[in-house]
mmCIF file of all heavy atoms, coordinates in Angstrom:
data_MODEL
# 
_entry.id   MODEL 
# 
loop_
_atom_site.group_PDB 
_atom_site.id 
_atom_site.type_symbol 
_atom_site.label_atom_id 
_atom_site.label_alt_id 
_atom_site.label_comp_id 
_atom_site.label_asym_id 
_atom_site.label_entity_id 
_atom_site.label_seq_id 
_atom_site.pdbx_PDB_ins_code 
_atom_site.Cartn_x 
_atom_site.Cartn_y 
_atom_site.Cartn_z 
_atom_site.occupancy 
_atom_site.B_iso_or_equiv 
_atom_site.pdbx_formal_charge 
_atom_site.auth_seq_id 
_atom_site.auth_comp_id 
_atom_site.auth_asym_id 
_atom_site.auth_atom_id 
_atom_site.pdbx_PDB_model_num 
ATOM 1   N N   . SER A 1 1  ? 113.587 95.038  113.253 1.00 0.00 ? 1  SER A N   1 
ATOM 2   C CA  . SER A 1 1  ? 113.574 94.398  112.005 1.00 0.00 ? 1  SER A CA  1 
ATOM 3   C C   . SER A 1 1  ? 112.310 93.655  111.655 1.00 0.00 ? 1  SER A C   1 
ATOM 4   O O   . SER A 1 1  ? 112.130 93.422  110.432 1.00 0.00 ? 1  SER A O   1 
ATOM 5   C CB  . SER A 1 1  ? 114.842 93.434  111.944 1.00 0.00 ? 1  SER A CB  1 
ATOM 6   O OG  . SER A 1 1  ? 115.997 94.028  111.964 1.00 0.00 ? 1  SER A OG  1 
ATOM 7   N N   . VAL A 1 2  ? 111.452 93.389  112.558 1.00 0.00 ? 2  VAL A N   1 
ATOM 8   C CA  . VAL A 1 2  ? 110.329 92.532  112.307 1.00 0.00 ? 2  VAL A CA  1 
ATOM 9   C C   . VAL A 1 2  ? 109.357 93.272  111.416 1.00 0.00 ? 2  VAL A C   1 
ATOM 10  O O   . VAL A 1 2  ? 108.687 92.639  110.523 1.00 0.00 ? 2  VAL A O   1 
ATOM 11  C CB  . VAL A 1 2  ? 109.615 92.105  113.570 1.00 0.00 ? 2  VAL A CB  1 
ATOM 12  C CG1 . VAL A 1 2  ? 108.809 93.319  114.257 1.00 0.00 ? 2  VAL A CG1 1 
ATOM 13  C CG2 . VAL A 1 2  ? 108.678 90.931  113.315 1.00 0.00 ? 2  VAL A CG2 1 
ATOM 14  N N   . ILE A 1 3  ? 109.330 94.611  111.394 1.00 0.00 ? 3  ILE A N   1 
ATOM 15  C CA  . ILE A 1 3  ? 108.449 95.371  110.553 1.00 0.00 ? 3  ILE A CA  1 
ATOM 16  C C   . ILE A 1 3  ? 108.869 95.292  109.098 1.00 0.00 ? 3  ILE A C   1 
ATOM 17  O O   . ILE A 1 3  ? 108.041 95.539  108.161 1.00 0.00 ? 3  ILE A O   1 
ATOM 18  C CB  . ILE A 1 3  ? 108.343 96.760  111.040 1.00 0.00 ? 3  ILE A CB  1 
ATOM 19  C CG1 . ILE A 1 3  ? 107.086 97.448  110.514 1.00 0.00 ? 3  ILE A CG1 1 
ATOM 20  C CG2 . ILE A 1 3  ? 109.613 97.510  110.753 1.00 0.00 ? 3  ILE A CG2 1 
ATOM 21  C CD1 . ILE A 1 3  ? 106.685 98.726  111.097 1.00 0.00 ? 3  ILE A CD1 1 
ATOM 22  N N   . ASN A 1 4  ? 110.148 94.953  108.797 1.00 0.00 ? 4  ASN A N   1 
ATOM 23  C CA  . ASN A 1 4  ? 110.612 95.011  107.406 1.00 0.00 ? 4  ASN A CA  1 
ATOM 24  C C   . ASN A 1 4  ? 109.823 93.932  106.540 1.00 0.00 ? 4  ASN A C   1 
ATOM 25  O O   . ASN A 1 4  ? 109.497 94.260  105.380 1.00 0.00 ? 4  ASN A O   1 
ATOM 26  C CB  . ASN A 1 4  ? 112.117 94.623  107.431 1.00 0.00 ? 4  ASN A CB  1 
ATOM 27  C CG  . ASN A 1 4  ? 112.901 95.740  107.915 1.00 0.00 ? 4  ASN A CG  1 
ATOM 28  O OD1 . ASN A 1 4  ? 112.408 96.878  108.073 1.00 0.00 ? 4  ASN A OD1 1 
ATOM 29  N ND2 . ASN A 1 4  ? 114.181 95.497  108.242 1.00 0.00 ? 4  ASN A ND2 1 
ATOM 30  N N   . GLY A 1 5  ? 109.427 92.859  107.141 1.00 0.00 ? 5  GLY A N   1 
ATOM 31  C CA  . GLY A 1 5  ? 108.640 91.766  106.360 1.00 0.00 ? 5  GLY A CA  1 
ATOM 32  C C   . GLY A 1 5  ? 107.228 92.182  106.237 1.00 0.00 ? 5  GLY A C   1 
ATOM 33  O O   . GLY A 1 5  ? 106.520 91.590  105.367 1.00 0.00 ? 5  GLY A O   1 
ATOM 34  N N   . ALA A 1 6  ? 106.746 93.093  107.055 1.00 0.00 ? 6  ALA A N   1 
ATOM 35  C CA  . ALA A 1 6  ? 105.311 93.363  107.086 1.00 0.00 ? 6  ALA A CA  1 
ATOM 36  C C   . ALA A 1 6  ? 104.992 94.697  106.300 1.00 0.00 ? 6  ALA A C   1 
ATOM 37  O O   . ALA A 1 6  ? 103.860 94.825  105.956 1.00 0.00 ? 6  ALA A O   1 
ATOM 38  C CB  . ALA A 1 6  ? 104.798 93.484  108.497 1.00 0.00 ? 6  ALA A CB  1 
ATOM 39  N N   . VAL A 1 7  ? 105.962 95.558  106.137 1.00 0.00 ? 7  VAL A N   1 
ATOM 40  C CA  . VAL A 1 7  ? 105.700 96.927  105.717 1.00 0.00 ? 7  VAL A CA  1 
ATOM 41  C C   . VAL A 1 7  ? 104.962 96.888  104.346 1.00 0.00 ? 7  VAL A C   1 
ATOM 42  O O   . VAL A 1 7  ? 103.913 97.648  104.075 1.00 0.00 ? 7  VAL A O   1 
ATOM 43  C CB  . VAL A 1 7  ? 106.881 97.831  105.698 1.00 0.00 ? 7  VAL A CB  1 
ATOM 44  C CG1 . VAL A 1 7  ? 107.908 97.178  104.693 1.00 0.00 ? 7  VAL A CG1 1 
ATOM 45  C CG2 . VAL A 1 7  ? 106.532 99.159  105.262 1.00 0.00 ? 7  VAL A CG2 1 
ATOM 46  N N   . LYS A 1 8  ? 105.329 96.144  103.373 1.00 0.00 ? 8  LYS A N   1 
ATOM 47  C CA  . LYS A 1 8  ? 104.764 96.133  102.051 1.00 0.00 ? 8  LYS A CA  1 
ATOM 48  C C   . LYS A 1 8  ? 103.331 95.704  102.163 1.00 0.00 ? 8  LYS A C   1 
ATOM 49  O O   . LYS A 1 8  ? 102.402 96.219  101.473 1.00 0.00 ? 8  LYS A O   1 
ATOM 50  C CB  . LYS A 1 8  ? 105.514 95.245  101.080 1.00 0.00 ? 8  LYS A CB  1 
ATOM 51  C CG  . LYS A 1 8  ? 104.934 95.305  99.670  1.00 0.00 ? 8  LYS A CG  1 
ATOM 52  C CD  . LYS A 1 8  ? 105.850 94.467  98.706  1.00 0.00 ? 8  LYS A CD  1 
ATOM 53  C CE  . LYS A 1 8  ? 105.315 94.469  97.299  1.00 0.00 ? 8  LYS A CE  1 
ATOM 54  N NZ  . LYS A 1 8  ? 106.080 93.546  96.431  1.00 0.00 ? 8  LYS A NZ  1 
ATOM 55  N N   . ALA A 1 9  ? 103.064 94.605  102.892 1.00 0.00 ? 9  ALA A N   1 
ATOM 56  C CA  . ALA A 1 9  ? 101.712 94.013  102.958 1.00 0.00 ? 9  ALA A CA  1 
ATOM 57  C C   . ALA A 1 9  ? 100.753 95.016  103.694 1.00 0.00 ? 9  ALA A C   1 
ATOM 58  O O   . ALA A 1 9  ? 99.577  95.204  103.144 1.00 0.00 ? 9  ALA A O   1 
ATOM 59  C CB  . ALA A 1 9  ? 101.744 92.708  103.809 1.00 0.00 ? 9  ALA A CB  1 
ATOM 60  N N   . PHE A 1 10 ? 101.105 95.668  104.792 1.00 0.00 ? 10 PHE A N   1 
ATOM 61  C CA  . PHE A 1 10 ? 100.104 96.552  105.491 1.00 0.00 ? 10 PHE A CA  1 
ATOM 62  C C   . PHE A 1 10 ? 100.036 97.915  104.686 1.00 0.00 ? 10 PHE A C   1 
ATOM 63  O O   . PHE A 1 10 ? 98.964  98.479  104.717 1.00 0.00 ? 10 PHE A O   1 
ATOM 64  C CB  . PHE A 1 10 ? 100.384 96.785  106.985 1.00 0.00 ? 10 PHE A CB  1 
ATOM 65  C CG  . PHE A 1 10 ? 101.544 97.610  107.281 1.00 0.00 ? 10 PHE A CG  1 
ATOM 66  C CD1 . PHE A 1 10 ? 101.698 98.980  106.980 1.00 0.00 ? 10 PHE A CD1 1 
ATOM 67  C CD2 . PHE A 1 10 ? 102.672 97.081  108.038 1.00 0.00 ? 10 PHE A CD2 1 
ATOM 68  C CE1 . PHE A 1 10 ? 102.750 99.768  107.386 1.00 0.00 ? 10 PHE A CE1 1 
ATOM 69  C CE2 . PHE A 1 10 ? 103.725 97.835  108.422 1.00 0.00 ? 10 PHE A CE2 1 
ATOM 70  C CZ  . PHE A 1 10 ? 103.822 99.190  108.087 1.00 0.00 ? 10 PHE A CZ  1 
ATOM 71  N N   . THR A 1 11 ? 101.038 98.222  103.915 1.00 0.00 ? 11 THR A N   1 
ATOM 72  C CA  . THR A 1 11 ? 100.950 99.435  103.059 1.00 0.00 ? 11 THR A CA  1 
ATOM 73  C C   . THR A 1 11 ? 99.903  99.250  102.014 1.00 0.00 ? 11 THR A C   1 
ATOM 74  O O   . THR A 1 11 ? 99.110  100.125 101.665 1.00 0.00 ? 11 THR A O   1 
ATOM 75  C CB  . THR A 1 11 ? 102.340 99.659  102.395 1.00 0.00 ? 11 THR A CB  1 
ATOM 76  O OG1 . THR A 1 11 ? 103.229 100.064 103.435 1.00 0.00 ? 11 THR A OG1 1 
ATOM 77  C CG2 . THR A 1 11 ? 102.188 100.915 101.393 1.00 0.00 ? 11 THR A CG2 1 
ATOM 78  N N   . GLU A 1 12 ? 99.864  97.972  101.427 1.00 0.00 ? 12 GLU A N   1 
ATOM 79  C CA  . GLU A 1 12 ? 98.854  97.738  100.372 1.00 0.00 ? 12 GLU A CA  1 
ATOM 80  C C   . GLU A 1 12 ? 97.419  97.545  101.087 1.00 0.00 ? 12 GLU A C   1 
ATOM 81  O O   . GLU A 1 12 ? 96.510  98.022  100.536 1.00 0.00 ? 12 GLU A O   1 
ATOM 82  C CB  . GLU A 1 12 ? 99.250  96.439  99.678  1.00 0.00 ? 12 GLU A CB  1 
ATOM 83  C CG  . GLU A 1 12 ? 100.459 96.623  98.764  1.00 0.00 ? 12 GLU A CG  1 
ATOM 84  C CD  . GLU A 1 12 ? 100.907 95.305  98.183  1.00 0.00 ? 12 GLU A CD  1 
ATOM 85  O OE1 . GLU A 1 12 ? 100.327 94.265  98.434  1.00 0.00 ? 12 GLU A OE1 1 
ATOM 86  O OE2 . GLU A 1 12 ? 101.897 95.312  97.287  1.00 0.00 ? 12 GLU A OE2 1 
ATOM 87  N N   . GLU A 1 13 ? 97.363  96.907  102.156 1.00 0.00 ? 13 GLU A N   1 
ATOM 88  C CA  . GLU A 1 13 ? 96.053  96.635  102.810 1.00 0.00 ? 13 GLU A CA  1 
ATOM 89  C C   . GLU A 1 13 ? 95.421  97.993  103.251 1.00 0.00 ? 13 GLU A C   1 
ATOM 90  O O   . GLU A 1 13 ? 94.209  98.115  103.163 1.00 0.00 ? 13 GLU A O   1 
ATOM 91  C CB  . GLU A 1 13 ? 96.238  95.764  104.043 1.00 0.00 ? 13 GLU A CB  1 
ATOM 92  C CG  . GLU A 1 13 ? 94.889  95.482  104.777 1.00 0.00 ? 13 GLU A CG  1 
ATOM 93  C CD  . GLU A 1 13 ? 94.929  94.219  105.611 1.00 0.00 ? 13 GLU A CD  1 
ATOM 94  O OE1 . GLU A 1 13 ? 95.772  93.354  105.338 1.00 0.00 ? 13 GLU A OE1 1 
ATOM 95  O OE2 . GLU A 1 13 ? 94.110  94.070  106.636 1.00 0.00 ? 13 GLU A OE2 1 
ATOM 96  N N   . PHE A 1 14 ? 96.223  98.929  103.789 1.00 0.00 ? 14 PHE A N   1 
ATOM 97  C CA  . PHE A 1 14 ? 95.606  100.196 104.245 1.00 0.00 ? 14 PHE A CA  1 
ATOM 98  C C   . PHE A 1 14 ? 95.747  101.270 103.257 1.00 0.00 ? 14 PHE A C   1 
ATOM 99  O O   . PHE A 1 14 ? 95.373  102.375 103.527 1.00 0.00 ? 14 PHE A O   1 
ATOM 100 C CB  . PHE A 1 14 ? 96.354  100.599 105.558 1.00 0.00 ? 14 PHE A CB  1 
ATOM 101 C CG  . PHE A 1 14 ? 96.148  99.588  106.709 1.00 0.00 ? 14 PHE A CG  1 
ATOM 102 C CD1 . PHE A 1 14 ? 97.220  99.436  107.595 1.00 0.00 ? 14 PHE A CD1 1 
ATOM 103 C CD2 . PHE A 1 14 ? 94.969  98.985  106.879 1.00 0.00 ? 14 PHE A CD2 1 
ATOM 104 C CE1 . PHE A 1 14 ? 97.067  98.474  108.648 1.00 0.00 ? 14 PHE A CE1 1 
ATOM 105 C CE2 . PHE A 1 14 ? 94.756  98.154  107.950 1.00 0.00 ? 14 PHE A CE2 1 
ATOM 106 C CZ  . PHE A 1 14 ? 95.908  97.916  108.828 1.00 0.00 ? 14 PHE A CZ  1 
ATOM 107 N N   . ALA A 1 15 ? 96.164  100.906 102.017 1.00 0.00 ? 15 ALA A N   1 
ATOM 108 C CA  . ALA A 1 15 ? 96.315  101.903 100.880 1.00 0.00 ? 15 ALA A CA  1 
ATOM 109 C C   . ALA A 1 15 ? 97.085  103.134 101.331 1.00 0.00 ? 15 ALA A C   1 
ATOM 110 O O   . ALA A 1 15 ? 96.587  104.299 101.241 1.00 0.00 ? 15 ALA A O   1 
ATOM 111 C CB  . ALA A 1 15 ? 94.870  102.271 100.431 1.00 0.00 ? 15 ALA A CB  1 
ATOM 112 N N   . LEU A 1 16 ? 98.350  103.025 101.757 1.00 0.00 ? 16 LEU A N   1 
ATOM 113 C CA  . LEU A 1 16 ? 99.098  104.031 102.326 1.00 0.00 ? 16 LEU A CA  1 
ATOM 114 C C   . LEU A 1 16 ? 99.965  104.601 101.301 1.00 0.00 ? 16 LEU A C   1 
ATOM 115 O O   . LEU A 1 16 ? 100.476 103.981 100.355 1.00 0.00 ? 16 LEU A O   1 
ATOM 116 C CB  . LEU A 1 16 ? 99.939  103.550 103.480 1.00 0.00 ? 16 LEU A CB  1 
ATOM 117 C CG  . LEU A 1 16 ? 99.311  102.880 104.659 1.00 0.00 ? 16 LEU A CG  1 
ATOM 118 C CD1 . LEU A 1 16 ? 100.311 102.500 105.685 1.00 0.00 ? 16 LEU A CD1 1 
ATOM 119 C CD2 . LEU A 1 16 ? 98.169  103.744 105.214 1.00 0.00 ? 16 LEU A CD2 1 
ATOM 120 N N   . GLY A 1 17 ? 100.289 105.945 101.411 1.00 0.00 ? 17 GLY A N   1 
ATOM 121 C CA  . GLY A 1 17 ? 101.261 106.559 100.498 1.00 0.00 ? 17 GLY A CA  1 
ATOM 122 C C   . GLY A 1 17 ? 102.621 106.302 101.171 1.00 0.00 ? 17 GLY A C   1 
ATOM 123 O O   . GLY A 1 17 ? 102.751 105.899 102.265 1.00 0.00 ? 17 GLY A O   1 
ATOM 124 N N   . ASP A 1 18 ? 103.692 106.781 100.376 1.00 0.00 ? 18 ASP A N   1 
ATOM 125 C CA  . ASP A 1 18 ? 104.965 106.538 100.844 1.00 0.00 ? 18 ASP A CA  1 
ATOM 126 C C   . ASP A 1 18 ? 105.263 107.260 102.207 1.00 0.00 ? 18 ASP A C   1 
ATOM 127 O O   . ASP A 1 18 ? 105.945 106.673 103.080 1.00 0.00 ? 18 ASP A O   1 
ATOM 128 C CB  . ASP A 1 18 ? 106.006 107.054 99.805  1.00 0.00 ? 18 ASP A CB  1 
ATOM 129 C CG  . ASP A 1 18 ? 106.087 106.187 98.516  1.00 0.00 ? 18 ASP A CG  1 
ATOM 130 O OD1 . ASP A 1 18 ? 105.527 105.032 98.642  1.00 0.00 ? 18 ASP A OD1 1 
ATOM 131 O OD2 . ASP A 1 18 ? 106.536 106.660 97.440  1.00 0.00 ? 18 ASP A OD2 1 
ATOM 132 N N   . ALA A 1 19 ? 104.741 108.518 102.322 1.00 0.00 ? 19 ALA A N   1 
ATOM 133 C CA  . ALA A 1 19 ? 105.062 109.233 103.594 1.00 0.00 ? 19 ALA A CA  1 
ATOM 134 C C   . ALA A 1 19 ? 104.511 108.596 104.750 1.00 0.00 ? 19 ALA A C   1 
ATOM 135 O O   . ALA A 1 19 ? 105.159 108.413 105.859 1.00 0.00 ? 19 ALA A O   1 
ATOM 136 C CB  . ALA A 1 19 ? 104.600 110.675 103.409 1.00 0.00 ? 19 ALA A CB  1 
ATOM 137 N N   . LEU A 1 20 ? 103.203 108.205 104.709 1.00 0.00 ? 20 LEU A N   1 
ATOM 138 C CA  . LEU A 1 20 ? 102.523 107.574 105.870 1.00 0.00 ? 20 LEU A CA  1 
ATOM 139 C C   . LEU A 1 20 ? 103.110 106.188 106.154 1.00 0.00 ? 20 LEU A C   1 
ATOM 140 O O   . LEU A 1 20 ? 103.210 105.798 107.316 1.00 0.00 ? 20 LEU A O   1 
ATOM 141 C CB  . LEU A 1 20 ? 101.020 107.496 105.600 1.00 0.00 ? 20 LEU A CB  1 
ATOM 142 C CG  . LEU A 1 20 ? 100.134 107.245 106.830 1.00 0.00 ? 20 LEU A CG  1 
ATOM 143 C CD1 . LEU A 1 20 ? 100.447 108.271 107.919 1.00 0.00 ? 20 LEU A CD1 1 
ATOM 144 C CD2 . LEU A 1 20 ? 98.653  107.355 106.418 1.00 0.00 ? 20 LEU A CD2 1 
ATOM 145 N N   . SER A 1 21 ? 103.394 105.519 105.050 1.00 0.00 ? 21 SER A N   1 
ATOM 146 C CA  . SER A 1 21 ? 104.015 104.197 105.269 1.00 0.00 ? 21 SER A CA  1 
ATOM 147 C C   . SER A 1 21 ? 105.378 104.276 105.999 1.00 0.00 ? 21 SER A C   1 
ATOM 148 O O   . SER A 1 21 ? 105.699 103.465 106.956 1.00 0.00 ? 21 SER A O   1 
ATOM 149 C CB  . SER A 1 21 ? 104.186 103.504 103.937 1.00 0.00 ? 21 SER A CB  1 
ATOM 150 O OG  . SER A 1 21 ? 104.879 102.215 104.182 1.00 0.00 ? 21 SER A OG  1 
ATOM 151 N N   . GLY A 1 22 ? 106.130 105.247 105.530 1.00 0.00 ? 22 GLY A N   1 
ATOM 152 C CA  . GLY A 1 22 ? 107.422 105.524 106.183 1.00 0.00 ? 22 GLY A CA  1 
ATOM 153 C C   . GLY A 1 22 ? 107.360 105.893 107.568 1.00 0.00 ? 22 GLY A C   1 
ATOM 154 O O   . GLY A 1 22 ? 108.144 105.414 108.543 1.00 0.00 ? 22 GLY A O   1 
ATOM 155 N N   . PHE A 1 23 ? 106.359 106.714 107.924 1.00 0.00 ? 23 PHE A N   1 
ATOM 156 C CA  . PHE A 1 23 ? 106.122 107.146 109.245 1.00 0.00 ? 23 PHE A CA  1 
ATOM 157 C C   . PHE A 1 23 ? 105.698 105.942 110.238 1.00 0.00 ? 23 PHE A C   1 
ATOM 158 O O   . PHE A 1 23 ? 106.139 105.883 111.350 1.00 0.00 ? 23 PHE A O   1 
ATOM 159 C CB  . PHE A 1 23 ? 105.041 108.243 109.366 1.00 0.00 ? 23 PHE A CB  1 
ATOM 160 C CG  . PHE A 1 23 ? 104.860 108.829 110.792 1.00 0.00 ? 23 PHE A CG  1 
ATOM 161 C CD1 . PHE A 1 23 ? 105.868 109.635 111.376 1.00 0.00 ? 23 PHE A CD1 1 
ATOM 162 C CD2 . PHE A 1 23 ? 103.693 108.579 111.491 1.00 0.00 ? 23 PHE A CD2 1 
ATOM 163 C CE1 . PHE A 1 23 ? 105.684 110.056 112.642 1.00 0.00 ? 23 PHE A CE1 1 
ATOM 164 C CE2 . PHE A 1 23 ? 103.551 108.989 112.764 1.00 0.00 ? 23 PHE A CE2 1 
ATOM 165 C CZ  . PHE A 1 23 ? 104.541 109.786 113.346 1.00 0.00 ? 23 PHE A CZ  1 
ATOM 166 N N   . ALA A 1 24 ? 104.904 105.103 109.678 1.00 0.00 ? 24 ALA A N   1 
ATOM 167 C CA  . ALA A 1 24 ? 104.396 103.885 110.416 1.00 0.00 ? 24 ALA A CA  1 
ATOM 168 C C   . ALA A 1 24 ? 105.625 103.019 110.762 1.00 0.00 ? 24 ALA A C   1 
ATOM 169 O O   . ALA A 1 24 ? 105.633 102.347 111.849 1.00 0.00 ? 24 ALA A O   1 
ATOM 170 C CB  . ALA A 1 24 ? 103.428 103.103 109.633 1.00 0.00 ? 24 ALA A CB  1 
ATOM 171 N N   . VAL A 1 25 ? 106.617 102.983 109.893 1.00 0.00 ? 25 VAL A N   1 
ATOM 172 C CA  . VAL A 1 25 ? 107.917 102.233 110.199 1.00 0.00 ? 25 VAL A CA  1 
ATOM 173 C C   . VAL A 1 25 ? 108.730 102.878 111.188 1.00 0.00 ? 25 VAL A C   1 
ATOM 174 O O   . VAL A 1 25 ? 109.199 102.296 112.109 1.00 0.00 ? 25 VAL A O   1 
ATOM 175 C CB  . VAL A 1 25 ? 108.677 102.017 108.871 1.00 0.00 ? 25 VAL A CB  1 
ATOM 176 C CG1 . VAL A 1 25 ? 110.030 101.380 109.147 1.00 0.00 ? 25 VAL A CG1 1 
ATOM 177 C CG2 . VAL A 1 25 ? 107.878 101.125 107.924 1.00 0.00 ? 25 VAL A CG2 1 
# 
């Protein structure tokens, strides 16, 4: 669950698309 609070922030910082962001999770 800890990644749930971080996912939006690192998605924006690393300029990720939905697919790559979802895979990182």
